[in-house]
Protein backbone atom coordinates (compact mmCIF):
# COMPACT_ATOMS: atom_id res chain seq x y z
CA MET A 1 -0.06 -0.22 0.07
CA ALA A 2 1.38 3.14 -1.00
CA GLN A 3 2.49 5.83 1.74
CA HIS A 4 0.21 9.05 2.24
CA ASN A 5 0.32 11.69 4.63
CA ALA A 6 -2.08 12.58 7.82
CA PHE A 7 -3.68 15.66 8.76
CA TYR A 8 -4.81 16.38 12.04
CA ALA A 9 -7.18 19.22 14.42
CA GLN A 10 -8.46 20.56 17.14
CA SER A 11 -11.78 22.42 17.34
CA GLY A 12 -13.75 24.37 19.71
CA GLY A 13 -13.67 24.62 23.58
CA VAL A 14 -10.56 21.85 24.26
CA THR A 15 -10.38 19.78 27.44
CA ALA A 16 -8.55 18.23 30.41
CA VAL A 17 -8.15 15.30 27.62
CA ILE A 18 -8.41 16.22 24.04
CA ASN A 19 -4.21 15.94 23.91
CA ALA A 20 -4.43 12.62 25.01
CA SER A 21 -7.09 11.74 21.62
CA ALA A 22 -4.12 13.84 19.74
CA CYS A 23 -1.44 11.82 21.47
CA GLY A 24 -3.38 8.41 20.14
CA VAL A 25 -3.63 9.15 16.58
CA ILE A 26 -0.04 10.58 16.49
CA GLU A 27 1.48 7.45 17.91
CA ALA A 28 -0.59 5.01 15.87
CA CYS A 29 0.31 6.67 12.74
CA ARG A 30 3.67 6.29 14.00
CA ARG A 31 2.96 2.87 14.31
CA HIS A 32 1.75 2.67 10.86
CA SER A 33 4.40 4.26 9.11
CA ASP A 34 4.42 1.75 6.05
CA GLN A 35 0.99 3.54 5.49
CA ILE A 36 0.84 6.91 6.68
CA GLY A 37 4.10 9.05 6.40
CA LYS A 38 3.80 12.17 7.87
CA VAL A 39 1.65 13.95 10.44
CA TYR A 40 0.68 17.56 9.88
CA ALA A 41 -1.57 19.42 12.72
CA GLY A 42 -3.47 22.43 11.60
CA HIS A 43 -2.25 25.29 13.56
CA ASN A 44 -5.39 26.59 15.91
CA GLY A 45 -7.46 24.14 13.96
CA ILE A 46 -9.12 23.83 10.63
CA ILE A 47 -8.12 27.93 10.24
CA GLY A 48 -4.38 25.91 10.07
CA ALA A 49 -5.78 24.18 7.42
CA LEU A 50 -7.10 26.87 5.16
CA THR A 51 -4.37 29.07 5.86
CA GLU A 52 -1.52 26.27 5.25
CA ASP A 53 0.03 26.93 8.66
CA LEU A 54 0.51 23.64 8.97
CA ILE A 55 2.86 22.06 12.08
CA ASP A 56 4.82 19.02 10.81
CA VAL A 57 4.50 17.04 13.43
CA SER A 58 7.07 14.11 12.39
CA GLN A 59 9.76 16.51 13.69
CA GLU A 60 8.17 16.05 17.46
CA SER A 61 9.86 13.64 19.55
CA ASP A 62 8.19 10.58 20.71
CA GLU A 63 8.73 12.19 24.39
CA ALA A 64 6.80 15.03 23.69
CA ILE A 65 4.21 13.17 22.01
CA ALA A 66 3.84 10.69 24.80
CA ALA A 67 3.62 14.08 27.38
CA LEU A 68 0.96 14.85 25.61
CA ARG A 69 -0.98 12.32 27.34
CA HIS A 70 -0.95 14.28 30.16
CA THR A 71 -0.92 18.06 28.98
CA PRO A 72 -4.43 19.84 28.94
CA ALA A 73 -5.76 22.41 26.61
CA GLY A 74 -5.14 22.28 22.72
CA ALA A 75 -0.82 21.95 22.24
CA PHE A 76 -1.90 22.70 18.37
CA GLY A 77 -4.37 25.25 19.00
CA SER A 78 -7.60 25.08 18.47
CA CYS A 79 -10.64 27.30 17.50
CA ARG A 80 -14.09 28.86 17.08
CA TYR A 81 -14.55 28.56 13.46
CA LYS A 82 -17.14 26.83 11.90
CA LEU A 83 -17.40 26.31 7.92
CA LYS A 84 -20.28 27.11 6.52
CA ASP A 85 -22.47 25.13 3.59
CA ILE A 86 -20.67 24.32 0.94
CA GLU A 87 -22.98 25.34 -1.58
CA THR A 88 -22.44 29.14 -0.26
CA HIS A 89 -18.79 29.08 0.86
CA ARG A 90 -17.52 26.34 -1.84
CA ALA A 91 -14.07 27.65 -1.64
CA GLN A 92 -13.27 27.12 1.14
CA TYR A 93 -13.78 23.67 1.12
CA GLU A 94 -12.16 23.47 -2.17
CA ARG A 95 -9.17 24.76 -0.63
CA LEU A 96 -9.05 22.81 1.80
CA ILE A 97 -8.58 19.85 -0.58
CA GLU A 98 -5.96 21.93 -2.38
CA VAL A 99 -4.03 22.21 0.54
CA PHE A 100 -4.10 18.56 1.38
CA LYS A 101 -3.09 17.81 -2.12
CA ALA A 102 -0.25 19.91 -2.14
CA HIS A 103 1.08 18.49 0.79
CA ASP A 104 0.12 14.46 0.08
CA ILE A 105 -3.00 14.60 2.84
CA ARG A 106 -5.27 11.40 2.34
CA TYR A 107 -6.02 11.17 5.97
CA PHE A 108 -7.49 13.92 7.90
CA PHE A 109 -8.67 13.32 11.70
CA TYR A 110 -11.29 15.89 12.90
CA ASN A 111 -10.94 16.24 16.71
CA GLY A 112 -14.42 18.14 18.49
CA GLY A 113 -18.03 17.96 19.23
CA GLY A 114 -20.67 18.18 16.43
CA ASP A 115 -20.24 21.24 14.45
CA SER A 116 -16.65 19.52 13.79
CA ALA A 117 -18.57 16.61 12.89
CA ASP A 118 -20.67 18.44 10.69
CA THR A 119 -17.44 20.11 9.22
CA CYS A 120 -15.62 16.65 9.04
CA LEU A 121 -18.78 14.96 6.87
CA LYS A 122 -19.24 17.83 4.16
CA VAL A 123 -15.01 17.91 3.22
CA SER A 124 -15.65 14.02 2.87
CA GLN A 125 -18.66 14.38 0.62
CA LEU A 126 -16.86 17.38 -1.25
CA SER A 127 -13.29 15.25 -1.73
CA GLU A 128 -15.59 12.87 -3.20
CA LYS A 129 -17.95 14.92 -5.58
CA LEU A 130 -14.21 16.17 -6.51
CA GLY A 131 -12.71 12.97 -6.85
CA TYR A 132 -9.73 13.34 -4.38
CA PRO A 133 -9.63 10.34 -2.39
CA LEU A 134 -9.53 11.95 1.30
CA THR A 135 -10.89 9.74 4.37
CA ALA A 136 -11.70 11.61 6.83
CA ILE A 137 -12.64 10.47 10.35
CA HIS A 138 -13.98 12.81 13.31
CA VAL A 139 -12.22 12.47 16.81
CA PRO A 140 -15.08 12.76 19.34
CA LYS A 141 -14.80 15.77 22.02
CA THR A 142 -16.78 17.90 24.22
CA VAL A 143 -17.15 18.51 27.87
CA ASP A 144 -20.83 18.71 27.89
CA ASN A 145 -21.06 15.04 26.86
CA ASP A 146 -24.14 15.89 23.96
CA LEU A 147 -22.73 14.06 21.48
CA PRO A 148 -25.07 10.88 20.32
CA ILE A 149 -24.16 7.26 19.57
CA THR A 150 -21.29 7.22 21.85
CA ASP A 151 -22.32 6.39 25.48
CA ASN A 152 -20.17 9.37 26.85
CA SER A 153 -17.87 11.69 24.88
CA PRO A 154 -13.99 12.17 26.01
CA GLY A 155 -13.36 14.90 28.44
CA PHE A 156 -16.81 14.94 29.94
CA GLY A 157 -15.52 12.42 32.51
CA SER A 158 -12.61 14.87 33.30
CA VAL A 159 -15.03 17.67 34.31
CA ALA A 160 -17.41 15.56 35.95
CA LYS A 161 -14.70 13.94 38.10
CA TYR A 162 -13.55 17.99 38.82
CA ILE A 163 -17.50 19.20 39.05
CA ALA A 164 -18.03 16.86 42.17
CA THR A 165 -15.01 17.36 43.64
CA SER A 166 -15.19 21.02 44.38
CA THR A 167 -19.22 20.52 44.87
CA LEU A 168 -17.85 18.08 47.81
CA GLU A 169 -14.59 20.52 49.28
CA ALA A 170 -16.65 23.79 48.82
CA SER A 171 -19.96 22.53 50.71
CA LEU A 172 -17.88 21.24 53.16
CA ASP A 173 -16.57 24.99 53.64
CA ILE A 174 -19.56 26.14 53.62
CA ALA A 175 -21.41 23.89 56.28
CA SER A 176 -18.39 24.24 58.63
CA MET A 177 -19.44 28.37 58.13
CA CYS A 178 -23.13 28.80 57.95
CA ALA A 179 -23.66 29.22 61.74
CA THR A 180 -22.47 32.79 61.59
CA SER A 181 -21.36 32.95 57.94
CA THR A 182 -22.42 32.36 54.11
CA LYS A 183 -25.88 30.55 54.09
CA VAL A 184 -26.13 29.86 50.31
CA PHE A 185 -23.56 28.76 47.89
CA VAL A 186 -24.20 28.72 43.99
CA LEU A 187 -21.64 27.21 41.64
CA GLU A 188 -22.12 27.54 38.10
CA VAL A 189 -20.88 24.89 35.67
CA MET A 190 -20.69 24.42 31.66
CA GLY A 191 -23.78 23.29 29.61
CA ARG A 192 -25.80 25.49 27.03
CA HIS A 193 -28.84 22.45 26.56
CA ALA A 194 -27.41 19.89 28.44
CA GLY A 195 -27.45 19.45 31.87
CA TRP A 196 -24.85 16.48 32.01
CA ILE A 197 -22.28 18.61 33.84
CA ALA A 198 -24.42 19.81 36.83
CA ALA A 199 -25.61 16.24 37.13
CA ALA A 200 -22.14 15.67 37.78
CA GLY A 201 -22.11 17.99 41.04
CA ALA A 202 -25.07 15.45 42.50
CA LEU A 203 -22.33 12.74 42.76
CA ALA A 204 -20.99 14.91 45.36
CA GLY A 205 -23.81 13.65 47.65
CA GLU A 206 -24.80 10.26 48.90
CA LYS A 207 -27.24 10.08 51.51
CA GLU A 208 -30.22 12.75 52.72
CA GLY A 209 -28.92 16.18 53.49
CA ASP A 210 -25.55 16.02 51.76
CA ALA A 211 -24.92 18.51 49.01
CA PRO A 212 -25.84 20.00 46.78
CA HIS A 213 -29.38 20.34 47.80
CA LEU A 214 -30.04 21.24 44.64
CA VAL A 215 -29.11 20.66 40.76
CA ILE A 216 -30.89 23.41 38.29
CA PHE A 217 -30.75 21.47 35.07
CA PRO A 218 -31.46 23.00 31.32
CA GLU A 219 -33.73 20.42 30.14
CA ILE A 220 -36.07 21.70 33.20
CA ALA A 221 -37.46 24.80 32.98
CA PHE A 222 -36.47 27.33 35.79
CA ASP A 223 -39.46 28.35 38.64
CA ARG A 224 -38.33 31.16 40.32
CA ALA A 225 -40.48 30.63 43.38
CA ALA A 226 -40.16 26.68 43.10
CA VAL A 227 -36.25 27.50 44.02
CA MET A 228 -36.75 29.60 46.44
CA ALA A 229 -38.88 27.26 48.36
CA ARG A 230 -36.55 24.54 48.48
CA VAL A 231 -33.45 27.11 48.85
CA GLU A 232 -35.43 28.11 52.18
CA GLU A 233 -36.32 24.15 53.23
CA SER A 234 -32.99 23.27 53.02
CA VAL A 235 -31.38 26.50 54.87
CA GLN A 236 -33.90 25.43 57.61
CA LYS A 237 -33.29 21.82 57.72
CA TYR A 238 -29.97 21.78 57.16
CA GLY A 239 -28.55 24.90 57.72
CA TYR A 240 -27.28 25.63 54.62
CA CYS A 241 -27.72 25.17 50.89
CA VAL A 242 -25.24 24.39 47.97
CA ILE A 243 -27.07 24.87 44.33
CA VAL A 244 -25.28 23.35 41.56
CA VAL A 245 -26.64 25.50 37.95
CA SER A 246 -25.73 25.27 34.47
CA GLU A 247 -25.42 27.98 32.59
CA GLY A 248 -28.18 26.91 30.46
CA ALA A 249 -30.53 27.16 32.67
CA ARG A 250 -34.00 28.32 31.20
CA TYR A 251 -37.40 29.75 31.92
CA GLU A 252 -40.66 27.82 30.69
CA ASP A 253 -40.43 30.47 27.04
CA GLY A 254 -36.81 29.36 26.35
CA THR A 255 -34.79 32.64 27.82
CA PHE A 256 -31.99 31.84 29.33
CA LEU A 257 -31.67 33.29 32.88
CA ALA A 258 -28.42 34.64 31.59
CA ASP A 259 -28.07 35.53 27.97
CA SER A 260 -25.57 37.58 27.55
CA GLY A 261 -27.33 38.92 23.98
CA ASN A 262 -24.28 38.43 21.59
CA THR A 263 -24.15 35.06 19.71
CA ASP A 264 -20.29 32.88 19.08
CA ALA A 265 -18.73 31.92 16.09
CA PHE A 266 -21.01 28.58 15.90
CA GLY A 267 -23.46 31.20 16.09
CA HIS A 268 -24.55 30.08 19.47
CA ARG A 269 -25.94 32.62 22.08
CA GLN A 270 -23.12 33.14 24.59
CA LEU A 271 -23.83 32.63 27.88
CA GLY A 272 -22.62 33.30 31.45
CA GLY A 273 -23.70 34.72 34.74
CA VAL A 274 -26.20 32.49 35.79
CA ALA A 275 -24.85 32.00 39.27
CA PRO A 276 -24.65 35.68 40.35
CA THR A 277 -27.88 36.28 38.38
CA LEU A 278 -29.34 32.79 40.76
CA ALA A 279 -27.34 34.32 44.17
CA GLY A 280 -29.05 37.72 43.07
CA MET A 281 -32.46 36.28 43.68
CA VAL A 282 -31.54 34.16 46.76
CA LYS A 283 -30.87 37.30 48.50
CA GLN A 284 -33.30 40.08 46.86
CA ASP A 285 -36.03 37.12 47.97
CA LEU A 286 -34.88 35.47 50.91
CA GLY A 287 -32.22 37.59 52.29
CA TYR A 288 -29.28 34.91 53.07
CA LYS A 289 -26.05 35.88 52.48
CA TYR A 290 -24.41 34.09 49.33
CA HIS A 291 -21.50 33.36 47.65
CA TRP A 292 -21.13 32.43 44.33
CA ALA A 293 -18.66 30.39 41.75
CA VAL A 294 -17.89 30.04 38.08
CA ALA A 295 -16.16 26.80 36.98
CA ASP A 296 -15.67 28.53 33.47
CA TYR A 297 -12.21 27.52 32.18
CA LEU A 298 -11.08 25.25 35.33
CA GLN A 299 -13.50 22.76 34.77
CA ARG A 300 -11.86 21.77 31.82
CA ALA A 301 -8.59 22.56 31.67
CA ALA A 302 -8.22 20.58 35.37
CA ARG A 303 -5.76 17.74 34.06
CA HIS A 304 -4.26 17.04 37.61
CA LEU A 305 -7.54 15.86 38.33
CA ALA A 306 -8.36 14.07 35.21
CA SER A 307 -10.65 10.75 35.29
CA LYS A 308 -8.10 7.61 33.80
CA THR A 309 -11.48 6.44 32.69
CA ASP A 310 -11.87 9.59 30.68
CA VAL A 311 -7.58 9.79 29.68
CA ASP A 312 -7.93 6.21 27.96
CA GLN A 313 -11.38 6.84 26.65
CA ALA A 314 -9.64 9.46 24.67
CA TYR A 315 -6.36 7.77 24.06
CA ALA A 316 -8.49 5.43 22.72
CA VAL A 317 -10.75 7.02 20.06
CA GLY A 318 -7.61 8.74 18.84
CA GLU A 319 -6.13 5.59 18.09
CA LYS A 320 -9.21 3.94 16.81
CA ALA A 321 -9.64 6.83 14.15
CA VAL A 322 -6.34 5.56 12.60
CA GLU A 323 -7.31 2.24 12.39
CA LEU A 324 -10.64 2.97 10.75
CA ALA A 325 -8.91 5.19 8.15
CA LEU A 326 -6.17 2.61 7.38
CA ALA A 327 -9.29 -0.03 7.56
CA GLY A 328 -10.97 1.90 4.45
CA GLU A 329 -13.54 3.30 6.77
CA ASN A 330 -14.60 7.26 5.66
CA ALA A 331 -17.08 9.34 7.23
CA LYS A 332 -17.23 7.94 10.73
CA MET A 333 -16.70 8.29 14.16
CA PRO A 334 -15.01 6.25 16.57
CA ALA A 335 -17.45 5.68 19.53
CA ILE A 336 -17.76 4.53 23.03
CA LYS A 337 -20.29 1.98 23.70
CA ARG A 338 -21.15 0.62 27.51
CA THR A 339 -20.61 -3.14 27.34
CA GLY A 340 -21.17 -3.79 31.45
CA ASP A 341 -21.70 -1.46 34.53
CA ALA A 342 -20.57 -4.04 37.14
CA PRO A 343 -17.78 -4.05 36.78
CA TYR A 344 -17.54 -0.95 34.33
CA SER A 345 -16.63 -2.50 30.69
CA TRP A 346 -16.33 -0.54 26.95
CA THR A 347 -15.05 -0.86 23.94
CA VAL A 348 -14.73 1.17 20.95
CA GLU A 349 -16.42 1.38 17.50
CA ALA A 350 -17.39 3.03 14.18
CA ALA A 351 -20.35 5.51 13.86
CA PRO A 352 -21.79 6.90 10.63
CA LEU A 353 -21.19 10.81 10.70
CA ALA A 354 -24.40 11.42 9.03
CA GLU A 355 -25.84 10.22 12.37
CA VAL A 356 -23.35 12.40 14.86
CA ALA A 357 -23.69 15.72 12.91
CA ASN A 358 -25.43 18.83 14.36
CA ARG A 359 -27.04 16.65 17.08
CA GLU A 360 -27.18 16.57 20.35
CA LYS A 361 -28.25 14.34 23.11
CA PHE A 362 -29.91 15.88 26.43
CA MET A 363 -30.68 14.86 29.86
CA PRO A 364 -32.79 11.70 29.86
CA ARG A 365 -36.03 12.70 31.91
CA ASP A 366 -35.62 9.11 33.92
CA PHE A 367 -32.20 10.65 35.11
CA ILE A 368 -33.71 13.49 36.50
CA ARG A 369 -35.64 13.26 40.10
CA ASP A 370 -39.52 13.81 39.75
CA ASP A 371 -39.19 17.38 41.63
CA GLY A 372 -36.25 18.28 38.99
CA PHE A 373 -33.51 19.30 41.31
CA GLY A 374 -31.49 16.06 41.36
CA ILE A 375 -30.47 12.75 39.62
CA THR A 376 -31.82 9.31 39.93
CA GLU A 377 -29.78 6.33 40.36
CA ASP A 378 -29.99 5.26 36.80
CA CYS A 379 -28.03 8.66 36.24
CA ARG A 380 -25.39 7.79 39.34
CA ARG A 381 -24.93 4.25 38.17
CA TYR A 382 -24.52 6.12 34.35
CA LEU A 383 -22.21 8.39 35.95
CA SER A 384 -20.62 7.27 38.81
CA PRO A 385 -17.96 4.87 36.49
CA LEU A 386 -16.84 7.98 34.03
CA ILE A 387 -15.20 9.93 36.65
CA GLN A 388 -13.57 6.62 38.27
CA GLY A 389 -9.25 6.00 38.86
CA GLU A 390 -6.68 8.50 39.27
CA ASP A 391 -4.01 9.51 35.91
CA PHE A 392 -1.96 12.09 37.58
CA PRO A 393 0.82 13.91 35.35
CA PRO A 394 4.23 13.90 36.45
CA PHE A 395 4.77 16.74 38.61
CA GLU A 396 8.03 19.44 38.54
CA ASN A 397 8.89 21.92 41.39
CA GLY A 398 5.54 21.47 42.51
CA LEU A 399 3.84 22.06 39.33
CA PRO A 400 2.61 19.72 36.54
CA LYS A 401 5.02 19.02 33.76
CA VAL A 402 3.37 19.36 30.20
CA ALA A 403 4.53 19.46 26.67
CA LYS A 404 6.18 21.69 25.45
CA LEU A 405 6.50 21.22 20.98
CA ALA A 406 8.72 22.28 18.97
CA LYS A 407 6.02 22.79 16.14
CA HIS A 408 8.26 23.26 13.22
CA ARG A 409 6.30 24.67 10.83
CA ALA A 410 6.05 22.91 7.31
CA GLU A 411 6.88 25.00 4.37
CA ARG A 412 4.17 26.71 2.28
CA LYS A 413 3.01 25.54 -1.27
CA LEU A 414 0.22 27.66 -1.90
CA PRO A 415 -0.72 31.15 -2.66
CA GLU A 416 -2.18 33.12 0.53
CA PHE A 417 -6.03 32.71 1.21
CA LYS A 418 -8.30 34.86 3.14
CA ILE A 419 -10.73 33.47 5.25
């Protein structure tokens, strides 16, 4: 079989383990050097391909690539840039194919969420129309855990572990001071439409009275009176109240509690500030002293507390992506399939991108308690295995040691392209 080159890129919000997927892709490519020559990475995601800003990963040492497994964020740079439809923005897709042709790239590995799956699918379709033999494989990633087909999304397990741990630790702080100080603590977590991360906070509580006392999901319409009544009940009963709230919390009419009025590069409403908004309601309605926190980037960058399950799965889907490509699969995504709960077991199988792109997986209603403020045992059974195990990075001078890449650029062969 002839040897051709591969292209890898990272897309969207990064995670604590996206680089573990990069490690899986690159190491698998190196093991198949008879079929895959150089591996190029797009600098700042798909933008790197459009502008022919390619990092020659082949010049990185084995040690540097191995270190990606314990390095958070996007080592090659990510971006929030969604390619539009082929009909109106055909030139962009044709530019990708031109760059791939110029560098003999026949394998395209795109590591991201639902929008990235859509881009990967479109690139696959156009390459076929243009007669260019390109194999496109989507490598799943999203902290929101909202990709369909796959049992869970790499990146989520580590965020879930961080949020559950933070909820537990903060609740002990509040409980120790509530007699004379703060009565209510609000933790805002990511999750625009799906409440998976908020649900993970509920893992901190094991019995009646344990924090969090309320979990507020995007899937359940926000009822101010009902929420305030539950806060009051918790303070009276336990002395304090801990709330985990998803950034996507919304009213019955679909309006977000914290809609900034702006949109991001993918066209999504920009959110943020639901914690202070909710805390303000507590102050106004109940008069309690409060504190609030926004986990924000901390939750998705906390590689020091990553779930071993998550790290292993992130690496496995990267590795599987290469295996699928070399087996002749195209327009597919390696998806995690749960094969057992006790003990937890899983495998990775191929899923068609047409069934993944631009689709979201929400919290099932039977994962949310009847009162809408917590999780059921079925949900706990689903979530618990995903936060199991520790995979601590090496430390140096008291801080995590991360990968340091040379990032040598490949020589440009095409005219400049404006995006």
